[in-house]
Protein backbone atom coordinates (compact mmCIF):
# COMPACT_ATOMS: atom_id res chain seq x y z
CA MET A 1 11.21 -19.55 26.79
CA THR A 2 8.25 -21.09 28.58
CA GLN A 3 7.93 -24.83 28.12
CA THR A 4 4.69 -26.77 28.42
CA ALA A 5 4.51 -30.39 29.59
CA PHE A 6 1.80 -32.70 28.23
CA ALA A 7 1.16 -36.28 29.27
CA THR A 8 3.04 -37.54 26.22
CA HIS A 9 5.68 -34.88 25.57
CA GLU A 10 7.13 -31.48 26.34
CA VAL A 11 6.84 -28.47 24.05
CA PHE A 12 10.26 -27.01 23.34
CA ASN A 13 12.42 -25.81 20.43
CA GLN A 14 9.63 -23.48 19.31
CA SER A 15 10.34 -19.82 18.61
CA PRO A 16 8.60 -17.33 20.92
CA PRO A 17 6.06 -14.94 19.41
CA PHE A 18 7.58 -12.01 17.54
CA GLU A 19 5.78 -9.30 19.48
CA ASP A 20 6.35 -6.54 22.03
CA VAL A 21 9.08 -5.11 19.80
CA ASP A 22 9.70 -1.62 18.44
CA LEU A 23 8.89 -2.17 14.77
CA TYR A 24 10.69 1.07 13.91
CA LEU A 25 13.99 0.92 15.77
CA ALA A 26 14.29 -2.84 15.20
CA ASP A 27 14.37 -2.10 11.45
CA ARG A 28 17.68 -0.38 10.69
CA PRO A 29 17.11 -0.16 6.91
CA LEU A 30 13.82 1.64 7.59
CA VAL A 31 15.41 4.08 10.05
CA GLU A 32 18.17 4.89 7.56
CA ALA A 33 15.79 5.23 4.61
CA VAL A 34 13.55 7.61 6.58
CA ALA A 35 16.57 9.70 7.59
CA ALA A 36 17.92 9.80 4.04
CA SER A 37 14.53 11.05 2.83
CA GLY A 38 14.27 13.87 5.34
CA GLY A 39 12.38 12.29 8.24
CA ALA A 40 15.14 11.90 10.84
CA SER A 41 13.54 14.40 13.24
CA ALA A 42 10.50 12.13 13.61
CA GLU A 43 12.43 9.25 15.18
CA ARG A 44 10.79 9.55 18.61
CA GLU A 45 7.31 9.75 17.09
CA LEU A 46 7.99 6.76 14.85
CA SER A 47 9.54 4.73 17.66
CA ASP A 48 6.47 5.31 19.82
CA PHE A 49 4.31 4.21 16.88
CA GLY A 50 6.56 1.18 16.31
CA LYS A 51 6.34 0.07 19.94
CA HIS A 52 2.58 0.41 19.99
CA TRP A 53 1.99 -1.47 16.75
CA GLY A 54 4.62 -4.06 17.67
CA SER A 55 2.75 -4.95 20.86
CA ALA A 56 1.05 -8.27 21.55
CA ASP A 57 -2.25 -6.40 21.92
CA MET A 58 -2.11 -5.00 18.39
CA ALA A 59 -1.11 -8.39 16.98
CA ALA A 60 -4.16 -9.91 18.67
CA ARG A 61 -6.43 -7.23 17.22
CA GLY A 62 -5.12 -7.98 13.74
CA ARG A 63 -5.78 -11.68 14.14
CA VAL A 64 -9.27 -11.26 15.58
CA ALA A 65 -10.32 -8.71 12.94
CA ASN A 66 -9.47 -11.23 10.22
CA GLU A 67 -11.13 -14.17 11.95
CA ASN A 68 -14.37 -12.20 12.37
CA THR A 69 -15.08 -10.85 8.92
CA PRO A 70 -17.52 -7.99 8.19
CA LYS A 71 -21.22 -8.69 7.64
CA LEU A 72 -23.73 -6.84 5.49
CA ARG A 73 -26.97 -5.79 7.20
CA SER A 74 -29.25 -4.77 4.34
CA PHE A 75 -32.37 -4.15 6.43
CA ASP A 76 -33.28 -3.35 9.98
CA SER A 77 -35.72 -5.44 12.05
CA ARG A 78 -38.70 -3.50 10.68
CA GLY A 79 -37.80 -4.01 7.03
CA ASN A 80 -36.28 -0.57 6.41
CA ARG A 81 -33.35 -0.46 4.01
CA ARG A 82 -30.08 0.27 5.91
CA ASP A 83 -27.13 -1.21 3.95
CA GLU A 84 -24.84 -1.13 6.96
CA VAL A 85 -21.63 -3.13 7.27
CA GLU A 86 -20.99 -4.59 10.70
CA PHE A 87 -17.47 -5.20 12.03
CA HIS A 88 -15.89 -6.85 15.03
CA PRO A 89 -14.69 -4.34 17.66
CA ALA A 90 -11.08 -5.29 16.89
CA TYR A 91 -11.43 -3.78 13.43
CA HIS A 92 -12.71 -0.51 14.85
CA GLU A 93 -9.83 -0.47 17.33
CA LEU A 94 -7.32 -0.82 14.48
CA MET A 95 -9.02 2.01 12.60
CA ALA A 96 -9.01 4.21 15.70
CA HIS A 97 -5.29 3.67 16.31
CA SER A 98 -4.40 4.49 12.70
CA ALA A 99 -6.63 7.57 12.70
CA HIS A 100 -5.23 8.81 16.02
CA ALA A 101 -1.73 8.66 14.49
CA GLY A 102 -2.88 10.62 11.43
CA VAL A 103 -2.17 7.83 8.94
CA HIS A 104 -5.33 8.90 7.08
CA ASN A 105 -4.71 12.66 6.92
CA SER A 106 -1.31 13.84 8.19
CA THR A 107 -0.05 14.77 4.72
CA TRP A 108 -2.68 17.54 4.43
CA THR A 109 -3.24 20.82 6.22
CA ARG A 110 -6.68 21.57 7.68
CA GLU A 111 -7.41 23.44 4.45
CA GLY A 112 -6.53 20.47 2.27
CA ALA A 113 -3.16 21.71 0.96
CA PRO A 114 -0.06 19.44 1.09
CA ALA A 115 1.45 19.58 4.57
CA GLY A 116 4.99 19.87 3.21
CA GLY A 117 8.26 19.03 4.95
CA ALA A 118 8.73 15.29 5.25
CA SER A 119 5.06 14.55 5.96
CA GLU A 120 4.82 11.95 3.18
CA VAL A 121 7.93 10.14 4.41
CA VAL A 122 6.88 10.08 8.06
CA ARG A 123 3.35 9.02 7.26
CA ALA A 124 4.69 6.30 4.92
CA ALA A 125 6.84 4.89 7.73
CA LYS A 126 3.71 4.53 9.87
CA PHE A 127 1.78 2.94 7.00
CA TYR A 128 4.70 0.53 6.43
CA ILE A 129 4.72 -0.46 10.11
CA ALA A 130 0.93 -0.82 10.43
CA SER A 131 0.82 -3.02 7.32
CA GLN A 132 3.06 -5.51 9.13
CA VAL A 133 0.36 -6.02 11.75
CA GLU A 134 -2.93 -5.76 9.84
CA THR A 135 -3.22 -4.59 6.25
CA GLY A 136 -6.94 -4.87 5.51
CA HIS A 137 -8.05 -1.87 7.58
CA LEU A 138 -5.57 0.30 5.68
CA CYS A 139 -7.84 0.25 2.60
CA PRO A 140 -10.21 2.95 3.93
CA ILE A 141 -7.26 4.69 5.56
CA THR A 142 -5.44 5.10 2.24
CA MET A 143 -8.55 6.09 0.29
CA THR A 144 -9.52 8.70 2.86
CA ARG A 145 -6.04 10.21 2.67
CA ALA A 146 -6.02 10.10 -1.13
CA SER A 147 -9.53 11.50 -1.59
CA VAL A 148 -8.35 15.00 -0.66
CA ALA A 149 -6.29 15.19 -3.85
CA ALA A 150 -9.41 14.61 -5.95
CA LEU A 151 -11.68 16.81 -3.82
CA ALA A 152 -9.26 19.68 -4.40
CA SER A 153 -10.85 19.93 -7.86
CA GLN A 154 -14.00 21.21 -6.14
CA PRO A 155 -12.78 23.82 -3.62
CA GLY A 156 -16.20 24.59 -2.18
CA LEU A 157 -16.89 20.93 -1.41
CA LEU A 158 -13.38 20.44 -0.03
CA ALA A 159 -13.86 23.40 2.32
CA LYS A 160 -17.02 21.78 3.70
CA VAL A 161 -15.54 18.30 4.10
CA MET A 162 -12.01 19.09 5.28
CA PRO A 163 -12.84 20.06 8.89
CA VAL A 164 -14.16 16.52 9.40
CA LEU A 165 -11.52 14.79 7.25
CA SER A 166 -8.70 16.57 9.09
CA SER A 167 -9.81 15.24 12.49
CA ARG A 168 -7.79 12.47 14.07
CA ALA A 169 -10.90 11.03 15.66
CA TYR A 170 -12.42 7.80 14.38
CA ASP A 171 -16.20 7.75 14.38
CA PRO A 172 -17.81 4.51 13.10
CA SER A 173 -21.40 5.63 13.76
CA PHE A 174 -23.89 5.33 10.90
CA THR A 175 -24.86 9.00 10.77
CA PRO A 176 -24.46 11.88 8.26
CA TRP A 177 -20.81 12.82 7.75
CA TRP A 178 -21.34 16.46 8.72
CA THR A 179 -22.46 15.40 12.22
CA LYS A 180 -19.44 13.18 12.91
CA ARG A 181 -16.14 13.67 14.75
CA GLY A 182 -14.23 12.07 11.85
CA MET A 183 -15.03 10.44 8.52
CA THR A 184 -13.72 8.03 5.92
CA VAL A 185 -14.03 8.10 2.12
CA GLY A 186 -14.17 5.16 -0.29
CA MET A 187 -14.12 4.76 -4.06
CA GLY A 188 -16.28 3.22 -6.78
CA MET A 189 -14.85 3.03 -10.30
CA THR A 190 -15.05 -0.41 -11.90
CA GLU A 191 -18.10 -2.03 -13.45
CA LYS A 192 -18.84 -5.57 -14.61
CA GLN A 193 -18.38 -4.92 -18.31
CA GLY A 194 -15.27 -2.78 -18.13
CA GLY A 195 -13.01 -3.32 -15.12
CA THR A 196 -9.91 -1.24 -15.77
CA ASP A 197 -11.52 0.27 -18.86
CA VAL A 198 -13.56 2.83 -16.92
CA ARG A 199 -14.44 4.74 -20.11
CA SER A 200 -16.88 1.92 -20.82
CA ASN A 201 -18.75 2.64 -17.58
CA MET A 202 -22.52 2.77 -17.99
CA THR A 203 -23.55 4.26 -14.64
CA ARG A 204 -25.18 7.59 -15.44
CA ALA A 205 -25.62 10.86 -13.58
CA GLU A 206 -28.42 13.30 -14.32
CA ARG A 207 -28.71 16.87 -13.08
CA ALA A 208 -31.38 17.43 -10.44
CA ALA A 209 -32.74 20.41 -8.55
CA GLU A 210 -30.04 19.68 -5.99
CA GLY A 211 -26.88 17.94 -7.16
CA TYR A 212 -27.09 14.90 -9.45
CA ARG A 213 -29.00 11.63 -9.38
CA ILE A 214 -26.83 8.59 -10.05
CA THR A 215 -28.18 5.32 -11.40
CA GLY A 216 -26.17 2.21 -12.18
CA HIS A 217 -23.80 -0.24 -10.52
CA LYS A 218 -20.22 -0.88 -9.43
CA TRP A 219 -18.74 -4.37 -9.50
CA PHE A 220 -16.13 -3.38 -6.93
CA MET A 221 -16.72 -0.57 -4.46
CA SER A 222 -14.06 -0.49 -1.83
CA ALA A 223 -14.75 -0.02 1.87
CA PRO A 224 -18.58 0.27 1.74
CA MET A 225 -18.68 1.29 5.41
CA CYS A 226 -17.25 4.71 4.51
CA ASP A 227 -19.20 7.92 4.96
CA ALA A 228 -18.90 8.95 1.30
CA PHE A 229 -17.48 7.68 -1.97
CA LEU A 230 -15.88 9.12 -5.06
CA VAL A 231 -17.76 7.53 -7.92
CA LEU A 232 -17.37 7.67 -11.71
CA ALA A 233 -20.53 8.09 -13.78
CA GLN A 234 -21.47 9.28 -17.26
CA ALA A 235 -22.89 12.82 -17.23
CA GLY A 236 -23.89 15.11 -20.09
CA GLN A 237 -20.28 15.95 -21.01
CA GLY A 238 -18.92 12.45 -20.46
CA LEU A 239 -17.36 10.44 -17.64
CA SER A 240 -17.35 12.52 -14.47
CA CYS A 241 -16.44 12.20 -10.80
CA PHE A 242 -19.02 12.53 -8.01
CA PHE A 243 -18.99 12.77 -4.23
CA VAL A 244 -21.70 10.33 -3.11
CA PRO A 245 -22.42 10.41 0.65
CA ARG A 246 -24.24 7.73 2.65
CA PHE A 247 -26.83 10.34 3.70
CA VAL A 248 -28.46 13.03 1.57
CA PRO A 249 -28.54 16.66 2.76
CA ASP A 250 -31.92 16.25 4.50
CA GLY A 251 -30.43 13.50 6.69
CA SER A 252 -32.15 10.50 5.07
CA ILE A 253 -30.20 7.45 3.87
CA ASN A 254 -28.93 7.78 0.29
CA ALA A 255 -30.10 5.26 -2.32
CA ILE A 256 -26.86 3.24 -2.26
CA HIS A 257 -27.84 -0.43 -2.16
CA PHE A 258 -25.10 -2.99 -1.46
CA GLN A 259 -25.82 -6.27 -3.23
CA ARG A 260 -23.27 -8.36 -1.38
CA LEU A 261 -19.77 -8.29 0.12
CA LYS A 262 -17.03 -9.91 -1.93
CA ASP A 263 -15.66 -13.25 -0.71
CA LYS A 264 -11.98 -12.49 -1.24
CA LEU A 265 -8.78 -14.53 -1.11
CA GLY A 266 -7.29 -12.15 1.44
CA ASN A 267 -7.99 -8.66 2.77
CA ARG A 268 -10.57 -10.40 4.94
CA SER A 269 -10.91 -7.78 7.66
CA ASN A 270 -11.88 -5.18 5.05
CA ALA A 271 -15.20 -5.13 3.25
CA SER A 272 -15.43 -4.84 -0.55
CA SER A 273 -18.82 -4.72 -2.18
CA GLU A 274 -21.02 -4.89 -5.22
CA VAL A 275 -23.41 -1.96 -5.27
CA GLU A 276 -26.33 -0.43 -7.15
CA PHE A 277 -27.26 3.25 -7.19
CA HIS A 278 -31.00 3.86 -7.44
CA GLY A 279 -31.06 7.57 -8.19
CA ALA A 280 -28.49 8.20 -5.46
CA TYR A 281 -27.64 11.80 -4.57
CA GLY A 282 -24.19 12.99 -5.63
CA GLU A 283 -22.20 16.20 -5.98
CA LEU A 284 -19.96 16.89 -8.97
CA VAL A 285 -16.21 16.90 -8.27
CA GLY A 286 -14.25 18.83 -10.90
CA GLU A 287 -15.69 19.37 -14.35
CA GLU A 288 -18.15 17.21 -16.24
CA GLY A 289 -16.30 14.96 -18.64
CA LYS A 290 -13.05 15.23 -16.64
CA GLY A 291 -13.73 12.35 -14.27
CA ILE A 292 -10.60 10.38 -15.02
CA ARG A 293 -8.39 13.44 -14.70
CA THR A 294 -10.03 14.19 -11.34
CA ILE A 295 -9.96 10.75 -9.77
CA ILE A 296 -6.44 9.94 -11.02
CA GLN A 297 -5.19 12.44 -8.44
CA MET A 298 -6.56 10.05 -5.83
CA VAL A 299 -5.32 6.95 -7.62
CA GLN A 300 -1.73 8.24 -7.74
CA LEU A 301 -1.69 8.31 -3.95
CA THR A 302 -3.37 4.94 -3.46
CA ARG A 303 -0.82 3.39 -5.83
CA GLN A 304 1.92 4.82 -3.66
CA ASP A 305 0.34 3.11 -0.65
CA CYS A 306 0.08 -0.21 -2.51
CA ALA A 307 3.86 -0.21 -2.84
CA ILE A 308 4.40 0.85 0.78
CA ALA A 309 2.08 -1.88 2.08
CA SER A 310 3.68 -4.59 -0.07
CA ALA A 311 7.11 -3.56 1.18
CA GLY A 312 5.75 -3.72 4.73
CA LEU A 313 4.38 -7.21 4.20
CA MET A 314 7.77 -8.37 2.92
CA ARG A 315 9.50 -6.74 5.89
CA SER A 316 7.18 -8.57 8.29
CA GLY A 317 7.82 -11.87 6.51
CA LEU A 318 11.56 -11.33 6.78
CA ALA A 319 11.38 -10.36 10.46
CA HIS A 320 9.28 -13.38 11.42
CA ALA A 321 11.46 -15.75 9.39
CA THR A 322 14.70 -14.35 10.86
CA HIS A 323 13.29 -14.39 14.40
CA HIS A 324 12.20 -18.00 14.00
CA ALA A 325 15.54 -19.07 12.55
CA ARG A 326 17.42 -17.59 15.52
CA HIS A 327 15.40 -19.65 18.01
CA ARG A 328 14.79 -22.91 16.14
CA SER A 329 17.44 -25.65 16.30
CA VAL A 330 17.83 -28.27 13.58
CA PHE A 331 20.60 -30.87 13.45
CA GLN A 332 22.15 -29.50 16.65
CA LYS A 333 22.47 -25.97 15.25
CA HIS A 334 20.20 -22.95 15.15
CA LEU A 335 18.63 -22.49 11.73
CA ALA A 336 20.17 -19.03 11.61
CA ASP A 337 23.64 -20.62 11.74
CA GLN A 338 22.99 -22.98 8.82
CA PRO A 339 24.74 -21.71 5.65
CA LEU A 340 21.76 -22.48 3.38
CA MET A 341 19.33 -20.62 5.65
CA GLN A 342 21.76 -17.72 5.91
CA ALA A 343 21.91 -17.55 2.12
CA VAL A 344 18.12 -17.42 1.89
CA LEU A 345 17.55 -14.89 4.67
CA SER A 346 20.36 -12.55 3.62
CA ASP A 347 19.11 -12.53 0.02
CA MET A 348 15.62 -11.75 1.27
CA ALA A 349 16.99 -9.04 3.55
CA LEU A 350 18.73 -7.45 0.58
CA ASN A 351 15.45 -7.33 -1.33
CA VAL A 352 13.68 -5.66 1.60
CA GLU A 353 16.48 -3.10 2.00
CA ALA A 354 16.13 -2.12 -1.64
CA SER A 355 12.34 -2.02 -1.44
CA ILE A 356 12.15 0.25 1.59
CA ALA A 357 14.87 2.56 0.27
CA LEU A 358 12.95 2.82 -3.00
CA VAL A 359 9.49 3.50 -1.55
CA MET A 360 10.91 6.11 0.83
CA ARG A 361 12.69 7.79 -2.06
CA LEU A 362 9.35 7.86 -3.89
CA CYS A 363 7.67 9.42 -0.86
CA ARG A 364 10.38 12.08 -0.77
CA ALA A 365 9.44 12.88 -4.36
CA PHE A 366 5.80 13.24 -3.31
CA ASP A 367 6.91 15.64 -0.56
CA ARG A 368 8.96 17.78 -2.92
CA ALA A 369 6.92 17.56 -6.13
CA PRO A 370 4.90 20.76 -5.49
CA GLN A 371 8.10 22.83 -5.43
CA GLU A 372 10.55 20.87 -7.64
CA ALA A 373 9.83 19.93 -11.24
CA ALA A 374 12.45 17.17 -11.25
CA GLU A 375 10.82 15.50 -8.24
CA ALA A 376 7.40 15.80 -9.87
CA ALA A 377 8.76 14.06 -12.98
CA TYR A 378 10.32 11.32 -10.80
CA MET A 379 6.98 10.83 -9.07
CA ARG A 380 4.98 10.57 -12.32
CA LEU A 381 7.37 8.16 -14.06
CA LEU A 382 8.38 6.00 -11.10
CA THR A 383 5.12 5.57 -9.20
CA PRO A 384 3.70 2.94 -11.60
CA ALA A 385 7.12 1.31 -12.07
CA ILE A 386 7.69 1.02 -8.32
CA LYS A 387 4.17 -0.28 -7.73
CA TYR A 388 4.74 -2.84 -10.47
CA TRP A 389 8.00 -4.24 -9.05
CA VAL A 390 7.38 -4.03 -5.32
CA CYS A 391 3.79 -5.31 -5.38
CA LYS A 392 4.50 -8.16 -7.77
CA SER A 393 7.52 -9.20 -5.68
CA ALA A 394 5.53 -9.67 -2.50
CA PRO A 395 3.63 -12.97 -3.02
CA GLY A 396 6.75 -14.97 -3.93
CA PHE A 397 8.66 -13.35 -1.09
CA LEU A 398 5.94 -14.20 1.45
CA TYR A 399 5.87 -17.78 0.24
CA GLU A 400 9.61 -18.03 0.91
CA ALA A 401 9.15 -16.54 4.37
CA MET A 402 6.43 -19.10 5.15
CA GLU A 403 8.74 -21.90 4.10
CA CYS A 404 11.40 -20.67 6.52
CA LEU A 405 8.95 -21.47 9.32
CA GLY A 406 8.02 -24.84 7.86
CA GLY A 407 4.57 -26.11 8.78
CA ASN A 408 4.19 -23.39 11.42
CA GLY A 409 4.25 -20.81 8.66
CA TYR A 410 1.40 -22.48 6.78
CA VAL A 411 -1.20 -22.57 9.56
CA GLU A 412 -3.59 -19.77 10.38
CA GLU A 413 -2.46 -19.34 13.98
CA GLY A 414 0.60 -17.52 12.66
CA ILE A 415 0.62 -14.29 10.71
CA LEU A 416 2.47 -15.42 7.58
CA ALA A 417 -0.43 -17.35 6.06
CA ARG A 418 -2.52 -14.18 6.36
CA HIS A 419 0.28 -12.07 4.87
CA TYR A 420 0.56 -14.50 1.96
CA ARG A 421 -3.17 -14.28 1.20
CA GLU A 422 -3.04 -10.52 1.59
CA SER A 423 -0.08 -9.93 -0.71
CA PRO A 424 -1.59 -10.35 -4.23
CA VAL A 425 -4.20 -7.62 -3.84
CA ASN A 426 -1.79 -4.69 -4.08
CA ALA A 427 -0.58 -5.80 -7.51
CA ILE A 428 -4.20 -6.05 -8.71
CA TRP A 429 -5.81 -3.08 -6.96
CA GLU A 430 -5.45 0.37 -8.55
CA GLY A 431 -4.13 -1.07 -11.80
CA SER A 432 -2.62 -4.48 -12.56
CA GLY A 433 0.91 -5.04 -13.80
CA ASN A 434 0.11 -4.43 -17.45
CA VAL A 435 -1.72 -1.21 -16.58
CA MET A 436 1.33 -0.01 -14.65
CA CYS A 437 3.55 -0.70 -17.66
CA LEU A 438 1.18 1.19 -19.93
CA ASP A 439 1.20 4.11 -17.50
CA VAL A 440 4.99 4.25 -17.64
CA LEU A 441 4.80 4.28 -21.45
CA ARG A 442 2.17 7.02 -21.25
CA ALA A 443 4.39 9.15 -19.01
CA LEU A 444 7.25 8.67 -21.46
CA SER A 445 5.17 9.74 -24.43
CA ARG A 446 3.69 12.77 -22.72
CA GLU A 447 6.90 14.08 -21.17
CA PRO A 448 9.82 12.51 -23.02
CA ASP A 449 12.34 15.14 -21.97
CA ALA A 450 11.37 14.96 -18.31
CA ALA A 451 11.45 11.15 -18.40
CA ALA A 452 14.87 11.19 -20.05
CA ALA A 453 16.10 13.53 -17.31
CA VAL A 454 14.85 11.12 -14.63
CA LEU A 455 16.63 8.21 -16.30
CA GLN A 456 19.81 10.27 -16.54
CA GLN A 457 19.48 11.15 -12.86
CA LEU A 458 19.11 7.48 -11.90
CA ALA A 459 22.15 6.58 -13.99
CA GLY A 460 24.16 9.25 -12.19
CA GLU A 461 23.01 8.19 -8.72
CA SER A 462 23.91 4.56 -9.46
CA ARG A 463 27.17 5.30 -11.27
CA GLY A 464 29.83 2.69 -10.54
CA LEU A 465 27.37 0.01 -9.43
CA SER A 466 27.61 -3.28 -11.29
CA GLY A 467 25.34 -3.40 -14.32
CA ALA A 468 23.80 0.03 -13.72
CA ALA A 469 25.12 1.70 -16.86
CA GLU A 470 24.06 -1.25 -19.00
CA ALA A 471 20.61 -1.26 -17.42
CA ALA A 472 20.14 2.46 -18.09
CA ALA A 473 21.15 1.96 -21.73
CA PHE A 474 18.77 -0.98 -22.10
CA ILE A 475 15.87 0.99 -20.62
CA ALA A 476 16.48 3.97 -22.89
CA LYS A 477 16.68 1.75 -25.97
CA ALA A 478 13.60 -0.28 -25.03
CA PHE A 479 11.46 2.80 -24.52
CA ARG A 480 12.47 4.17 -27.94
CA ARG A 481 11.31 1.05 -29.74
CA SER A 482 8.28 1.39 -31.97
CA ASP A 483 6.94 -1.83 -30.43
CA GLY A 484 7.83 -0.75 -26.91
CA GLU A 485 4.73 -2.33 -25.42
CA ARG A 486 6.08 -5.80 -26.27
CA VAL A 487 9.11 -5.29 -24.01
CA ALA A 488 7.43 -3.00 -21.50
CA ARG A 489 7.47 -5.48 -18.64
CA ILE A 490 11.19 -6.14 -18.74
CA ALA A 491 11.96 -2.46 -19.30
CA VAL A 492 9.72 -1.35 -16.41
CA GLU A 493 11.21 -3.98 -14.12
CA LYS A 494 14.72 -2.84 -14.98
CA LEU A 495 13.66 0.76 -14.44
CA ALA A 496 12.43 -0.12 -10.95
CA LEU A 497 15.60 -2.10 -10.20
CA LEU A 498 17.78 0.77 -11.35
CA ALA A 499 15.77 3.19 -9.23
CA ALA A 500 16.15 0.82 -6.27
CA CYS A 501 19.92 0.73 -6.78
CA ALA A 502 20.04 4.52 -6.88
CA ALA A 503 17.88 4.89 -3.76
CA LEU A 504 19.80 2.24 -1.83
CA ASN A 505 23.12 3.76 -2.84
CA ALA A 506 22.18 6.90 -0.90
CA VAL A 507 21.32 4.85 2.20
CA ALA A 508 23.66 1.83 2.31
CA PRO A 509 26.26 1.81 -0.50
CA ARG A 510 27.54 -1.69 0.22
CA SER A 511 23.99 -3.08 0.07
CA ALA A 512 23.45 -1.15 -3.15
CA GLU A 513 26.48 -2.82 -4.74
CA LEU A 514 25.28 -6.26 -3.65
CA PHE A 515 21.81 -5.56 -4.99
CA ALA A 516 23.17 -4.28 -8.30
CA SER A 517 25.57 -7.18 -8.74
CA THR A 518 22.84 -9.77 -8.08
CA ARG A 519 19.92 -8.05 -9.83
CA LEU A 520 21.36 -5.88 -12.61
CA ALA A 521 24.77 -7.28 -13.53
CA GLY A 522 23.55 -10.86 -13.50
CA THR A 523 20.29 -12.71 -13.64
CA HIS A 524 19.03 -13.34 -10.13
CA GLY A 525 18.01 -16.92 -9.47
CA GLY A 526 14.36 -17.80 -9.49
CA MET A 527 14.53 -18.58 -5.76
CA TYR A 528 15.89 -16.58 -2.86
CA GLY A 529 19.32 -17.80 -1.80
CA ALA A 530 20.17 -18.89 -5.36
CA THR A 531 22.96 -16.34 -5.51
CA GLU A 532 26.35 -15.98 -3.84
CA ILE A 533 26.88 -13.35 -1.17
CA ALA A 534 30.13 -13.25 0.81
CA ALA A 535 29.99 -14.44 4.43
CA ASP A 536 30.79 -10.98 5.83
CA ASP A 537 27.96 -9.46 3.81
CA VAL A 538 25.58 -12.20 4.92
CA ARG A 539 26.29 -11.37 8.57
CA ARG A 540 25.95 -7.65 7.95
CA LEU A 541 22.63 -7.97 6.14
CA LEU A 542 21.13 -10.19 8.84
CA GLU A 543 22.30 -7.89 11.64
CA ARG A 544 20.73 -4.93 9.84
CA ALA A 545 17.52 -6.83 9.26
CA LEU A 546 16.90 -7.62 12.93
CA PRO A 547 19.36 -6.56 15.65
């Protein structure tokens, strides 16, 4: 380690930067979870991706993109309306690297059909790794990927757009999408008066000689720099979904007027906006009055990515905390050799192992859902439950990771302060915790037999693990209650924990037993490390976390 001498002191006993590492192969639980979910053949591809994103250069791009936040340019120098969003070059570099690796489109064929195989699993591993370096730019990446599911409701439009969407080129130019080498797609759903209750939306769409004319507002429109947006508006038959491009077919700028960019707690590299539509041009996606049904196909995929990103943030927090503890000495011993620190880090490592096993198991269900009814049922029931547990776990986890670094974790020069500010958004975006619980209840009411089969499957896959049988019985009883909404949070959390035990049991049985005994059989302490794990298991967990 390089030491620096000042006039008054020398700099030593500081951990070196955690960079120039293979973020894939250095993460044994990830490698094993990918293999268990069908992605073993992609190890070389994922290792190359892990080395690239684990480099000092990519870490610097992530830092710079967050220090130089986007700016709204409403007008050009001559007073013409432009509504452009300007970014630092580091942001565009991050976008280009993600696009080149297909993080925005590799789960689709050029025709817009699911790519099949283990494409969801492999792409999720990349998303998980990239989120450890810079999460904000992944907002347009995930929405672009997810938009194809909604656009499939309008085959003619999809056929026009897909040749540009399927490109691995990143083209940030402010020009019509059909002239570009690659494009991105954003989303506009929520309004001031409704938020989650999109049925109360007041934005209206009226038929025109060509397409529709959309008038109204959105309180949150994500990634306003995108080339087009999927927007909800009230049409003649009710709430409908529209494809609203930045440029109209004649090449002029569409009447999409950004009012301001949101000043957010985190997610600073990414732009989020308030917007008004002044008779903006749009094309119908799906049927009039079926807007929610259409756009929910997109939302299902963005919820999946919320969970993947939150798991990635926790993994990064664990890696940085463990790396620091192995280099920092306190009271004549490395922090990593202190029993209390070992208790904290191993407990955190166990949580990350369960999280990554669970999200990869979910991605396997997304891969197989088109062909297997049981996997489709797993996907529908577990997506909101997994988003609920993983995303809501992240902020507390990142706080604990910051504390492991002491004051160094709290300052902006390091990455953990940024991770901590970033972590709450995934639990809020695409449906808050209560919405996720209601979606689980909705899935249960619509497909009770399929949901019961999924619960039975989870019970079988976790058979013999401490507390698993009791958890399955509790979940089944809670969901049969007439006042099930009152206990939905605890039932959904237990459902996610049981699913995590089942997923982890297929990857690392000993870790699954530890997770079950500390999370299902007993009440886990409110703080990490407030549980007892045997010394041999502590060593094993920490070796698996970071070789």
